[in-house]
Amino acid sequence: MSRNLLPSLAALLLAACAATPPKPAPVAPVPAPPTVATIPAGTPTAMPTRDTRAARAEFVRSTAQRFNIPAADIEAVLARAQIREPIIKAMARPAEAKPWRDYRPIFIQPSRIEAGRAFLEKNRVALQRAEDQYGVPKEIITAILGVETSYGGNKGSYPVIDALYTLAFAYPRSGNPEKVAYEDKREAFFRDELAQLFALGKEEGFDITQLKGSYAGAMGWGQFMPSSYRQYAVDGDGDGKRDLFNDLDDVFASVANYFAKKGKWQRDGKVMVPAMRTAMASDFINPGNAVTLDQTVPGLAGLGYTTTAGLTAADTAQPVSLITLDGATGPEYWVVFNNFKAITTYNISRLYATAVFQLSEAIAGRAVP
């Protein structure tokens, strides 16, 4: 989908909306000012000032070479990007840090369930078409949109270029030496996503300076990061475009394609079922509650974790994991399958994946444990 880069900045980066905004006048490349990423003193994530000029220069060089974009055009865009303190604060306090008993009510609530049912009914034909093609249930697709953007009601108001620029060069630091490697890895991730955003603008004809999204740089109805947009977005209605901002056919098909391709979604497969801990069971050792899929249902039963869910012989033969959630009345034990792990490819949090599944069940009118 790559095209030759047009000479002007505006032609490089066109808007992602179906109705393209007026192009700005050509902008001459400007020298990059010395860039120092800082977190204001006194904030919970305050850190020493970091001089990022060398990292920024290397980013421009590598992105220009990697995606065949003139370095001067990249510099011109970065010169307009801003380090935003609210983004740093939001990244330092993710909702997934809450226990399940506090996280669940954010998403499993009557208003979101009813809105999801109405949305599914209104878009049933297009959602069913995506389900038929990719094998991902329409309720799961709907729940993803419900959790991510309240069914399109809140797609984000941060300039995507600012969000990714902030996290690429001023990722919040805790000051904990044990977290340095993790924080370095996260900053590198967002730096790559910033580069991917430039590539996306070139390939799709987006003006990336006009795109709006979440504080983490995710975009559109389904909140795709730039790399996911490039790799997994599809043209759901055959109009020659991949528009995840305005075209619901593209949105539904792209979410389903993401799960099918990246998550290896299994058609008609289980997601998760509740388990009971018997008196003879010892603590199940699962560092970090990882979804490793290295157990079986019979094997877990032998360890004292049983389920009365209606499982087929094929289900019991599947590799599974056991996760524990901090519920309102105590620990909750869940047997999770490949399709649960598929949801974690969208967001690695097991709380997120559980919320998506339980919301999908409620939208479908099935009982939620």
Protein backbone atom coordinates (compact mmCIF):
# COMPACT_ATOMS: atom_id res chain seq x y z
CA MET A 1 0.00 0.00 0.00
CA SER A 2 3.09 2.26 0.09
CA ARG A 3 3.08 5.30 -2.16
CA ASN A 4 5.73 7.83 -3.22
CA LEU A 5 5.93 10.63 -0.68
CA LEU A 6 4.57 13.91 -2.00
CA PRO A 7 6.78 16.95 -1.52
CA SER A 8 4.65 18.94 0.88
CA LEU A 9 3.99 18.04 4.50
CA ALA A 10 0.26 18.24 3.97
CA ALA A 11 0.39 15.75 1.16
CA LEU A 12 2.44 13.44 3.34
CA LEU A 13 -0.13 13.37 6.09
CA LEU A 14 -3.85 13.61 5.23
CA ALA A 15 -6.72 13.30 7.67
CA ALA A 16 -8.10 9.91 8.70
CA CYS A 17 -11.73 10.96 8.50
CA ALA A 18 -13.96 10.18 5.56
CA ALA A 19 -14.39 13.90 4.98
CA THR A 20 -10.80 15.16 4.46
CA PRO A 21 -10.15 18.56 6.06
CA PRO A 22 -8.63 21.37 4.00
CA LYS A 23 -4.94 20.97 3.40
CA PRO A 24 -2.67 23.45 5.18
CA ALA A 25 -0.29 25.53 3.14
CA PRO A 26 3.05 23.84 2.42
CA VAL A 27 5.33 24.03 5.40
CA ALA A 28 9.01 24.48 4.84
CA PRO A 29 11.12 22.07 6.86
CA VAL A 30 12.26 23.71 10.06
CA PRO A 31 15.27 22.83 12.16
CA ALA A 32 14.39 20.77 15.20
CA PRO A 33 14.72 22.78 18.39
CA PRO A 34 16.72 21.30 21.22
CA THR A 35 14.25 18.88 22.74
CA VAL A 36 14.35 18.12 26.43
CA ALA A 37 11.59 15.86 27.72
CA THR A 38 10.62 16.70 31.25
CA ILE A 39 8.02 15.78 33.82
CA PRO A 40 7.17 18.82 35.95
CA ALA A 41 8.53 18.67 39.49
CA GLY A 42 6.05 17.69 42.16
CA THR A 43 4.01 15.26 40.07
CA PRO A 44 3.68 11.65 41.26
CA THR A 45 5.91 10.54 38.40
CA ALA A 46 8.52 13.29 38.64
CA MET A 47 11.93 12.34 37.30
CA PRO A 48 15.22 14.04 36.46
CA THR A 49 15.26 15.99 33.22
CA ARG A 50 16.33 13.82 30.31
CA ASP A 51 18.06 15.35 27.32
CA THR A 52 16.56 13.50 24.38
CA ARG A 53 18.17 15.38 21.50
CA ALA A 54 20.38 12.47 20.48
CA ALA A 55 17.49 9.99 20.70
CA ARG A 56 15.26 12.31 18.68
CA ALA A 57 17.91 12.75 15.98
CA GLU A 58 18.36 8.98 15.76
CA PHE A 59 14.59 8.54 15.54
CA VAL A 60 14.40 10.91 12.57
CA ARG A 61 17.30 9.21 10.83
CA SER A 62 16.03 5.65 11.35
CA THR A 63 12.39 6.44 10.51
CA ALA A 64 13.40 8.23 7.31
CA GLN A 65 15.52 5.26 6.25
CA ARG A 66 13.04 2.60 7.35
CA PHE A 67 9.99 4.04 5.58
CA ASN A 68 11.61 6.14 2.83
CA ILE A 69 10.29 9.43 4.20
CA PRO A 70 12.36 12.62 3.87
CA ALA A 71 13.97 13.45 7.20
CA ALA A 72 13.05 17.11 6.77
CA ASP A 73 9.35 16.19 6.62
CA ILE A 74 9.64 14.15 9.81
CA GLU A 75 11.43 17.05 11.52
CA ALA A 76 8.70 19.45 10.42
CA VAL A 77 6.02 17.32 12.07
CA LEU A 78 8.01 16.70 15.27
CA ALA A 79 8.63 20.43 15.58
CA ARG A 80 4.88 20.85 16.12
CA ALA A 81 4.50 17.94 18.57
CA GLN A 82 4.22 18.62 22.29
CA ILE A 83 5.14 16.78 25.48
CA ARG A 84 1.86 16.69 27.42
CA GLU A 85 1.84 16.23 31.18
CA PRO A 86 -1.76 14.82 31.33
CA ILE A 87 -0.64 11.97 29.07
CA ILE A 88 2.25 11.16 31.40
CA LYS A 89 -0.04 11.17 34.42
CA ALA A 90 -2.65 8.98 32.68
CA MET A 91 -0.03 6.43 31.63
CA ALA A 92 1.27 6.29 35.20
CA ARG A 93 -2.19 5.39 36.55
CA PRO A 94 -3.75 2.78 34.24
CA ALA A 95 -7.17 1.38 35.12
CA GLU A 96 -5.72 -2.14 34.98
CA ALA A 97 -3.88 -1.40 38.23
CA LYS A 98 -7.23 -1.71 40.06
CA PRO A 99 -8.34 -5.04 41.58
CA TRP A 100 -11.08 -6.90 39.69
CA ARG A 101 -13.76 -5.94 42.23
CA ASP A 102 -13.16 -2.26 41.35
CA TYR A 103 -12.38 -2.73 37.65
CA ARG A 104 -15.47 -4.79 36.83
CA PRO A 105 -18.11 -2.14 37.63
CA ILE A 106 -16.48 0.26 35.19
CA PHE A 107 -17.58 -1.90 32.26
CA ILE A 108 -20.19 -4.40 33.46
CA GLN A 109 -23.01 -1.99 34.17
CA PRO A 110 -26.63 -1.78 32.95
CA SER A 111 -26.15 1.31 30.77
CA ARG A 112 -23.22 -0.19 28.87
CA ILE A 113 -25.00 -3.52 28.48
CA GLU A 114 -28.18 -1.93 27.13
CA ALA A 115 -26.21 0.35 24.81
CA GLY A 116 -24.36 -2.71 23.53
CA ARG A 117 -27.57 -4.59 22.79
CA ALA A 118 -28.97 -1.59 20.92
CA PHE A 119 -25.73 -1.18 18.96
CA LEU A 120 -25.64 -4.85 18.01
CA GLU A 121 -29.25 -4.81 16.86
CA LYS A 122 -28.71 -1.69 14.78
CA ASN A 123 -25.61 -3.15 13.10
CA ARG A 124 -26.55 -6.83 13.16
CA VAL A 125 -26.11 -7.47 9.42
CA ALA A 126 -22.61 -6.01 9.22
CA LEU A 127 -21.53 -7.61 12.49
CA GLN A 128 -22.85 -11.00 11.36
CA ARG A 129 -20.94 -10.64 8.11
CA ALA A 130 -17.70 -10.11 10.05
CA GLU A 131 -18.50 -13.07 12.31
CA ASP A 132 -19.20 -15.33 9.36
CA GLN A 133 -15.93 -14.40 7.65
CA TYR A 134 -13.55 -14.44 10.62
CA GLY A 135 -15.28 -16.65 13.21
CA VAL A 136 -15.27 -14.00 15.96
CA PRO A 137 -18.71 -13.66 17.59
CA LYS A 138 -20.55 -10.42 16.95
CA GLU A 139 -21.02 -10.00 20.71
CA ILE A 140 -17.24 -10.02 21.22
CA ILE A 141 -16.73 -7.42 18.47
CA THR A 142 -19.47 -5.30 20.03
CA ALA A 143 -18.00 -5.65 23.53
CA ILE A 144 -14.57 -4.56 22.32
CA LEU A 145 -16.10 -1.36 20.97
CA GLY A 146 -18.07 -0.94 24.18
CA VAL A 147 -15.00 -1.22 26.37
CA GLU A 148 -12.70 0.76 24.09
CA THR A 149 -14.87 3.72 23.06
CA SER A 150 -18.38 3.26 24.51
CA TYR A 151 -19.59 2.20 21.06
CA GLY A 152 -17.90 5.11 19.33
CA GLY A 153 -19.00 7.72 21.85
CA ASN A 154 -15.47 8.45 23.07
CA LYS A 155 -12.76 7.79 20.53
CA GLY A 156 -10.28 10.05 22.30
CA SER A 157 -9.44 13.74 22.17
CA TYR A 158 -5.65 13.74 22.39
CA PRO A 159 -3.65 14.54 19.25
CA VAL A 160 -2.16 11.16 18.37
CA ILE A 161 1.13 12.76 17.36
CA ASP A 162 1.42 14.36 20.83
CA ALA A 163 0.47 11.17 22.66
CA LEU A 164 3.07 9.07 20.90
CA TYR A 165 5.72 11.81 20.97
CA THR A 166 5.22 12.19 24.73
CA LEU A 167 5.47 8.48 25.46
CA ALA A 168 8.31 7.98 22.97
CA PHE A 169 10.54 10.59 24.60
CA ALA A 170 9.11 11.20 28.10
CA TYR A 171 7.68 7.87 29.22
CA PRO A 172 6.92 8.15 32.97
CA ARG A 173 9.65 6.83 35.22
CA SER A 174 9.01 5.48 38.69
CA GLY A 175 12.54 5.89 39.94
CA ASN A 176 12.54 2.20 40.92
CA PRO A 177 15.78 0.55 39.67
CA GLU A 178 13.93 -2.75 39.30
CA LYS A 179 11.56 -1.18 36.75
CA VAL A 180 14.16 0.52 34.56
CA ALA A 181 14.30 -2.30 31.99
CA TYR A 182 10.49 -2.44 31.76
CA GLU A 183 10.19 1.33 31.41
CA ASP A 184 12.91 1.40 28.76
CA LYS A 185 11.04 -1.32 26.86
CA ARG A 186 7.77 0.61 27.04
CA GLU A 187 9.39 3.80 25.82
CA ALA A 188 10.95 1.90 22.92
CA PHE A 189 7.52 0.46 22.08
CA PHE A 190 5.97 3.91 21.83
CA ARG A 191 8.93 5.23 19.85
CA ASP A 192 8.31 2.48 17.32
CA GLU A 193 4.58 3.31 17.26
CA LEU A 194 5.48 6.93 16.52
CA ALA A 195 7.54 5.73 13.57
CA GLN A 196 4.65 3.49 12.49
CA LEU A 197 2.38 6.54 12.57
CA PHE A 198 4.55 8.26 9.96
CA ALA A 199 4.38 5.13 7.82
CA LEU A 200 0.61 4.96 8.22
CA GLY A 201 0.26 8.54 7.11
CA LYS A 202 2.31 7.84 4.00
CA GLU A 203 0.43 4.66 3.10
CA GLU A 204 -3.13 5.74 3.83
CA GLY A 205 -2.88 9.43 2.97
CA PHE A 206 -3.59 10.64 6.52
CA ASP A 207 -2.58 13.99 7.93
CA ILE A 208 -1.23 12.58 11.16
CA THR A 209 -1.11 15.99 12.80
CA GLN A 210 -4.93 16.01 12.72
CA LEU A 211 -5.63 12.54 14.10
CA LYS A 212 -7.19 12.27 17.56
CA GLY A 213 -7.13 9.29 19.89
CA SER A 214 -6.39 8.03 23.39
CA TYR A 215 -3.61 9.13 25.72
CA ALA A 216 -1.69 6.05 24.53
CA GLY A 217 -2.02 6.94 20.83
CA ALA A 218 -4.76 4.42 19.95
CA MET A 219 -7.20 5.48 17.24
CA GLY A 220 -10.68 5.01 15.87
CA TRP A 221 -13.71 3.00 17.03
CA GLY A 222 -11.56 0.02 17.98
CA GLN A 223 -8.55 2.00 19.25
CA PHE A 224 -5.91 0.51 16.99
CA MET A 225 -2.30 1.49 17.53
CA PRO A 226 -0.53 2.60 14.32
CA SER A 227 1.27 -0.73 13.86
CA SER A 228 -1.99 -2.66 14.30
CA TYR A 229 -3.76 -0.33 11.89
CA ARG A 230 -1.10 -1.01 9.27
CA GLN A 231 -1.04 -4.77 9.83
CA TYR A 232 -4.60 -5.77 10.67
CA ALA A 233 -7.01 -3.13 9.37
CA VAL A 234 -9.04 -4.36 6.39
CA ASP A 235 -11.46 -2.90 3.87
CA GLY A 236 -14.73 -4.40 5.05
CA ASP A 237 -17.02 -2.94 2.39
CA GLY A 238 -14.80 -2.99 -0.69
CA ASP A 239 -14.60 0.77 -1.18
CA GLY A 240 -10.82 0.72 -1.48
CA LYS A 241 -10.17 2.33 1.91
CA ARG A 242 -9.39 1.16 5.43
CA ASP A 243 -11.22 3.73 7.53
CA LEU A 244 -11.38 2.83 11.22
CA PHE A 245 -12.65 6.28 12.16
CA ASN A 246 -15.94 6.42 10.26
CA ASP A 247 -16.66 3.20 8.35
CA LEU A 248 -18.24 0.56 10.61
CA ASP A 249 -17.91 -2.18 8.01
CA ASP A 250 -14.16 -1.61 8.12
CA VAL A 251 -14.19 -1.38 11.92
CA PHE A 252 -16.05 -4.68 12.46
CA ALA A 253 -13.99 -6.58 9.92
CA SER A 254 -10.72 -5.15 11.26
CA VAL A 255 -11.42 -6.07 14.89
CA ALA A 256 -12.38 -9.58 13.81
CA ASN A 257 -9.35 -9.86 11.53
CA TYR A 258 -7.10 -8.76 14.38
CA PHE A 259 -8.37 -11.56 16.61
CA ALA A 260 -8.24 -14.12 13.82
CA LYS A 261 -4.73 -13.22 12.65
CA LYS A 262 -2.90 -12.08 15.78
CA GLY A 263 -4.92 -13.91 18.43
CA LYS A 264 -5.47 -17.12 16.42
CA TRP A 265 -9.13 -17.03 17.43
CA GLN A 266 -10.79 -20.45 17.37
CA ARG A 267 -14.24 -20.43 15.82
CA ASP A 268 -16.87 -21.66 18.34
CA GLY A 269 -14.13 -22.05 20.97
CA LYS A 270 -14.55 -21.34 24.67
CA VAL A 271 -13.19 -18.15 26.24
CA MET A 272 -13.35 -18.76 30.00
CA VAL A 273 -15.41 -20.73 32.54
CA PRO A 274 -15.62 -20.37 36.33
CA ALA A 275 -13.81 -22.88 38.52
CA MET A 276 -14.23 -23.94 42.12
CA ARG A 277 -11.41 -24.58 44.53
CA THR A 278 -11.90 -27.73 46.57
CA ALA A 279 -10.80 -28.09 50.18
CA MET A 280 -7.87 -30.30 49.20
CA ALA A 281 -6.44 -27.82 46.70
CA SER A 282 -3.17 -26.06 47.39
CA ASP A 283 -2.37 -22.60 46.04
CA PHE A 284 -1.98 -22.71 42.28
CA ILE A 285 1.41 -21.26 41.39
CA ASN A 286 1.05 -19.04 38.35
CA PRO A 287 3.50 -16.12 38.50
CA GLY A 288 1.82 -12.90 37.38
CA ASN A 289 -1.41 -14.73 36.54
CA ALA A 290 0.11 -15.42 33.13
CA VAL A 291 -2.01 -16.94 30.37
CA THR A 292 0.46 -19.68 29.50
CA LEU A 293 -2.03 -22.37 28.35
CA ASP A 294 0.10 -25.10 29.87
CA GLN A 295 -2.64 -26.99 31.77
CA THR A 296 -5.69 -29.10 30.94
CA VAL A 297 -9.14 -29.19 32.53
CA PRO A 298 -8.60 -32.73 33.90
CA GLY A 299 -5.16 -31.74 35.14
CA LEU A 300 -6.54 -28.76 37.03
CA ALA A 301 -9.27 -30.95 38.52
CA GLY A 302 -6.55 -33.21 39.82
CA LEU A 303 -5.00 -30.19 41.54
CA GLY A 304 -8.32 -29.34 43.18
CA TYR A 305 -9.74 -26.78 40.74
CA THR A 306 -12.90 -28.08 39.12
CA THR A 307 -15.56 -26.68 36.85
CA THR A 308 -19.17 -27.68 36.29
CA ALA A 309 -19.44 -25.68 33.06
CA GLY A 310 -20.82 -27.59 30.10
CA LEU A 311 -17.59 -28.57 28.38
CA THR A 312 -17.30 -30.95 25.47
CA ALA A 313 -14.63 -33.59 25.10
CA ALA A 314 -12.90 -31.24 22.66
CA ASP A 315 -12.94 -28.46 25.28
CA THR A 316 -11.38 -30.64 27.96
CA ALA A 317 -8.61 -31.61 25.56
CA GLN A 318 -7.65 -27.97 24.93
CA PRO A 319 -4.65 -26.38 26.65
CA VAL A 320 -5.84 -23.96 29.34
CA SER A 321 -4.65 -21.73 32.15
CA LEU A 322 -6.05 -20.96 35.60
CA ILE A 323 -6.25 -17.31 36.64
CA THR A 324 -7.30 -15.81 39.97
CA LEU A 325 -9.18 -12.51 40.28
CA ASP A 326 -9.83 -10.43 43.39
CA GLY A 327 -13.63 -10.48 43.41
CA ALA A 328 -16.06 -8.57 45.57
CA THR A 329 -16.64 -11.60 47.81
CA GLY A 330 -13.17 -13.12 47.64
CA PRO A 331 -10.92 -14.89 45.13
CA GLU A 332 -12.48 -15.93 41.80
CA TYR A 333 -10.97 -18.84 39.89
CA TRP A 334 -11.32 -19.07 36.12
CA VAL A 335 -10.23 -21.63 33.56
CA VAL A 336 -9.23 -19.69 30.45
CA PHE A 337 -8.81 -20.97 26.90
CA ASN A 338 -7.06 -19.87 23.72
CA ASN A 339 -9.77 -17.31 22.91
CA PHE A 340 -9.16 -15.60 26.25
CA LYS A 341 -5.50 -15.32 25.35
CA ALA A 342 -6.61 -13.93 21.97
CA ILE A 343 -8.36 -11.06 23.76
CA THR A 344 -5.18 -10.34 25.72
CA THR A 345 -3.40 -9.66 22.43
CA TYR A 346 -5.67 -6.60 22.19
CA ASN A 347 -4.80 -5.58 25.76
CA ILE A 348 -2.50 -7.77 27.82
CA SER A 349 -4.47 -7.28 31.04
CA ARG A 350 -6.42 -10.32 32.20
CA LEU A 351 -8.88 -7.86 33.79
CA TYR A 352 -9.50 -6.30 30.39
CA ALA A 353 -10.03 -9.67 28.73
CA THR A 354 -12.45 -10.75 31.47
CA ALA A 355 -14.40 -7.50 31.17
CA VAL A 356 -14.71 -7.90 27.40
CA PHE A 357 -15.95 -11.48 27.74
CA GLN A 358 -18.44 -10.75 30.51
CA LEU A 359 -19.79 -7.70 28.69
CA SER A 360 -20.21 -9.80 25.53
CA GLU A 361 -22.14 -12.43 27.49
CA ALA A 362 -24.40 -9.79 29.01
CA ILE A 363 -25.02 -8.21 25.59
CA ALA A 364 -25.95 -11.65 24.25
CA GLY A 365 -28.43 -12.12 27.12
CA ARG A 366 -26.48 -14.91 28.76
CA ALA A 367 -25.92 -15.10 32.51
CA VAL A 368 -22.68 -13.58 33.76
CA PRO A 369 -21.19 -15.40 36.76
